Each structure stands twice: as C-alpha cells, then as structure tokens.
C-alpha atoms as a PDB file:
ATOM      1  CA  MET A   1      21.299  54.403 -45.186  1.00  0.00           C
ATOM      2  CA  ASP A   2      18.017  54.013 -43.326  1.00  0.00           C
ATOM      3  CA  LEU A   3      18.727  50.339 -42.647  1.00  0.00           C
ATOM      4  CA  SER A   4      22.143  51.039 -41.128  1.00  0.00           C
ATOM      5  CA  LEU A   5      20.661  53.740 -38.893  1.00  0.00           C
ATOM      6  CA  SER A   6      17.862  51.399 -37.847  1.00  0.00           C
ATOM      7  CA  ILE A   7      20.353  48.663 -36.934  1.00  0.00           C
ATOM      8  CA  SER A   8      22.560  51.112 -35.018  1.00  0.00           C
ATOM      9  CA  THR A   9      19.579  52.565 -33.175  1.00  0.00           C
ATOM     10  CA  SER A  10      18.311  49.132 -32.176  1.00  0.00           C
ATOM     11  CA  GLY A  11      21.758  48.287 -30.781  1.00  0.00           C
ATOM     12  CA  MET A  12      21.912  51.487 -28.741  1.00  0.00           C
ATOM     13  CA  ILE A  13      18.412  50.913 -27.357  1.00  0.00           C
ATOM     14  CA  ALA A  14      19.263  47.305 -26.446  1.00  0.00           C
ATOM     15  CA  GLN A  15      22.488  48.344 -24.714  1.00  0.00           C
ATOM     16  CA  ARG A  16      20.671  51.076 -22.804  1.00  0.00           C
ATOM     17  CA  ARG A  17      18.286  48.404 -21.499  1.00  0.00           C
ATOM     18  CA  ARG A  18      21.269  46.191 -20.570  1.00  0.00           C
ATOM     19  CA  LEU A  19      22.756  49.052 -18.546  1.00  0.00           C
ATOM     20  CA  GLU A  20      19.408  49.623 -16.801  1.00  0.00           C
ATOM     21  CA  VAL A  21      19.317  45.968 -15.732  1.00  0.00           C
ATOM     22  CA  ALA A  22      22.948  46.104 -14.560  1.00  0.00           C
ATOM     23  CA  SER A  23      22.181  49.265 -12.560  1.00  0.00           C
ATOM     24  CA  GLN A  24      19.214  47.579 -10.888  1.00  0.00           C
ATOM     25  CA  ASN A  25      21.404  44.608  -9.984  1.00  0.00           C
ATOM     26  CA  LEU A  26      23.993  46.900  -8.390  1.00  0.00           C
ATOM     27  CA  ALA A  27      21.384  48.938  -6.542  1.00  0.00           C
ATOM     28  CA  HIS A  28      19.715  45.848  -5.057  1.00  0.00           C
ATOM     29  CA  GLN A  29      22.759  43.680  -4.354  1.00  0.00           C
ATOM     30  CA  PHE A  30      22.290  44.007  -0.577  1.00  0.00           C
ATOM     31  CA  THR A  31      18.465  43.915  -0.540  1.00  0.00           C
ATOM     32  CA  LEU A  32      17.265  41.127   1.740  1.00  0.00           C
ATOM     33  CA  LEU A  33      13.603  42.026   2.354  1.00  0.00           C
ATOM     34  CA  ASP A  34      10.612  42.268   0.052  1.00  0.00           C
ATOM     35  CA  ALA A  35       8.041  45.097   0.211  1.00  0.00           C
ATOM     36  CA  GLU A  36       6.177  43.375   3.084  1.00  0.00           C
ATOM     37  CA  GLY A  37       9.336  42.953   5.173  1.00  0.00           C
ATOM     38  CA  ASN A  38       9.747  39.226   4.554  1.00  0.00           C
ATOM     39  CA  TYR A  39      13.160  37.680   3.992  1.00  0.00           C
ATOM     40  CA  ALA A  40      13.517  37.449   0.208  1.00  0.00           C
ATOM     41  CA  PRO A  41      17.026  38.239  -1.076  1.00  0.00           C
ATOM     42  CA  TYR A  42      17.132  40.079  -4.388  1.00  0.00           C
ATOM     43  CA  GLU A  43      17.952  37.759  -7.263  1.00  0.00           C
ATOM     44  CA  ARG A  44      20.118  39.120 -10.047  1.00  0.00           C
ATOM     45  CA  ARG A  45      18.386  39.795 -13.359  1.00  0.00           C
ATOM     46  CA  GLU A  46      19.824  39.183 -16.796  1.00  0.00           C
ATOM     47  CA  ILE A  47      18.685  40.380 -20.179  1.00  0.00           C
ATOM     48  CA  VAL A  48      18.173  38.198 -23.231  1.00  0.00           C
ATOM     49  CA  PHE A  49      18.645  39.691 -26.696  1.00  0.00           C
ATOM     50  CA  GLU A  50      17.279  38.449 -30.007  1.00  0.00           C
ATOM     51  CA  PRO A  51      17.474  39.648 -33.595  1.00  0.00           C
ATOM     52  CA  ASN A  52      14.642  41.823 -34.817  1.00  0.00           C
ATOM     53  CA  GLU A  53      12.999  41.720 -38.234  1.00  0.00           C
ATOM     54  CA  LYS A  54      15.098  44.584 -39.654  1.00  0.00           C
ATOM     55  CA  GLY A  55      18.527  43.081 -38.966  1.00  0.00           C
ATOM     56  CA  GLY A  56      19.044  44.761 -35.623  1.00  0.00           C
ATOM     57  CA  VAL A  57      18.620  43.477 -32.109  1.00  0.00           C
ATOM     58  CA  ARG A  58      16.050  43.830 -29.370  1.00  0.00           C
ATOM     59  CA  ALA A  59      15.778  42.982 -25.693  1.00  0.00           C
ATOM     60  CA  ALA A  60      13.529  39.913 -25.712  1.00  0.00           C
ATOM     61  CA  GLU A  61      13.149  39.483 -21.953  1.00  0.00           C
ATOM     62  CA  VAL A  62      14.571  40.187 -18.535  1.00  0.00           C
ATOM     63  CA  ARG A  63      14.724  37.072 -16.398  1.00  0.00           C
ATOM     64  CA  VAL A  64      15.965  36.056 -12.984  1.00  0.00           C
ATOM     65  CA  SER A  65      19.465  34.630 -13.219  1.00  0.00           C
ATOM     66  CA  GLU A  66      19.925  30.939 -12.505  1.00  0.00           C
ATOM     67  CA  THR A  67      23.251  31.658 -10.800  1.00  0.00           C
ATOM     68  CA  PRO A  68      22.998  30.592  -7.140  1.00  0.00           C
ATOM     69  CA  LEU A  69      22.974  33.344  -4.540  1.00  0.00           C
ATOM     70  CA  ARG A  70      26.331  34.052  -2.924  1.00  0.00           C
ATOM     71  CA  MET A  71      26.236  33.384   0.803  1.00  0.00           C
ATOM     72  CA  LYS A  72      28.075  35.677   3.200  1.00  0.00           C
ATOM     73  CA  PHE A  73      29.243  34.546   6.634  1.00  0.00           C
ATOM     74  CA  ASP A  74      27.820  36.895   9.262  1.00  0.00           C
ATOM     75  CA  PRO A  75      26.559  34.994  12.319  1.00  0.00           C
ATOM     76  CA  THR A  76      25.461  38.255  13.995  1.00  0.00           C
ATOM     77  CA  HIS A  77      23.058  39.205  11.184  1.00  0.00           C
ATOM     78  CA  ALA A  78      19.347  38.996  12.011  1.00  0.00           C
ATOM     79  CA  PHE A  79      18.673  36.771   8.987  1.00  0.00           C
ATOM     80  CA  ALA A  80      21.671  34.436   9.376  1.00  0.00           C
ATOM     81  CA  ASN A  81      20.883  30.739   9.059  1.00  0.00           C
ATOM     82  CA  ALA A  82      21.934  28.085  11.585  1.00  0.00           C
ATOM     83  CA  ASP A  83      25.427  27.990  10.045  1.00  0.00           C
ATOM     84  CA  GLY A  84      25.814  31.776  10.303  1.00  0.00           C
ATOM     85  CA  TYR A  85      25.347  32.592   6.618  1.00  0.00           C
ATOM     86  CA  VAL A  86      23.128  35.302   5.158  1.00  0.00           C
END
C-alpha cells in the first residue's frame, strides 16, 4: 500500500511541476525584454521527467526548449527587425 501511495504522490508532484512550467510559459509568451531592458525574448521552457528509485517519477530538469521562436510580422514594433518581424 505504501508503495502505491508513493508512486501516486510522485506522479502528482511531477504533474504539478509540469503545470507550473506551462503557466510560466503562458505568462511570459509576450515578454521581449530582460530585467535590464535589453531585447531578449522569453524562450519556452520544458520539463524532463525521469523514474525515481521507488518506481515513481520525478522532474529531472527544466530546460529551454530547442523549438525556434515564432516570429510575428509587425513592422511598427520598436523591436522589429529589418524585415518587419518581432
């Protein structure tokens, strides 16, 4: 019984962490500046899971996604490049 509860608990904790990362991605999807005001678009994070020693799962790391940033055409934006994309 203890093992099944441990596995279930580890899954709930891992999924809570996944939702936290997804929430951060949604909250920062339009962030273009870093803390110093420099142009540095927010890069989506993704979570990596791995099995733990008791048969459950744990969040091994949160890393920056390798998916390329999506460019938006807005030639009037202050940070638009020469082609008009932000």
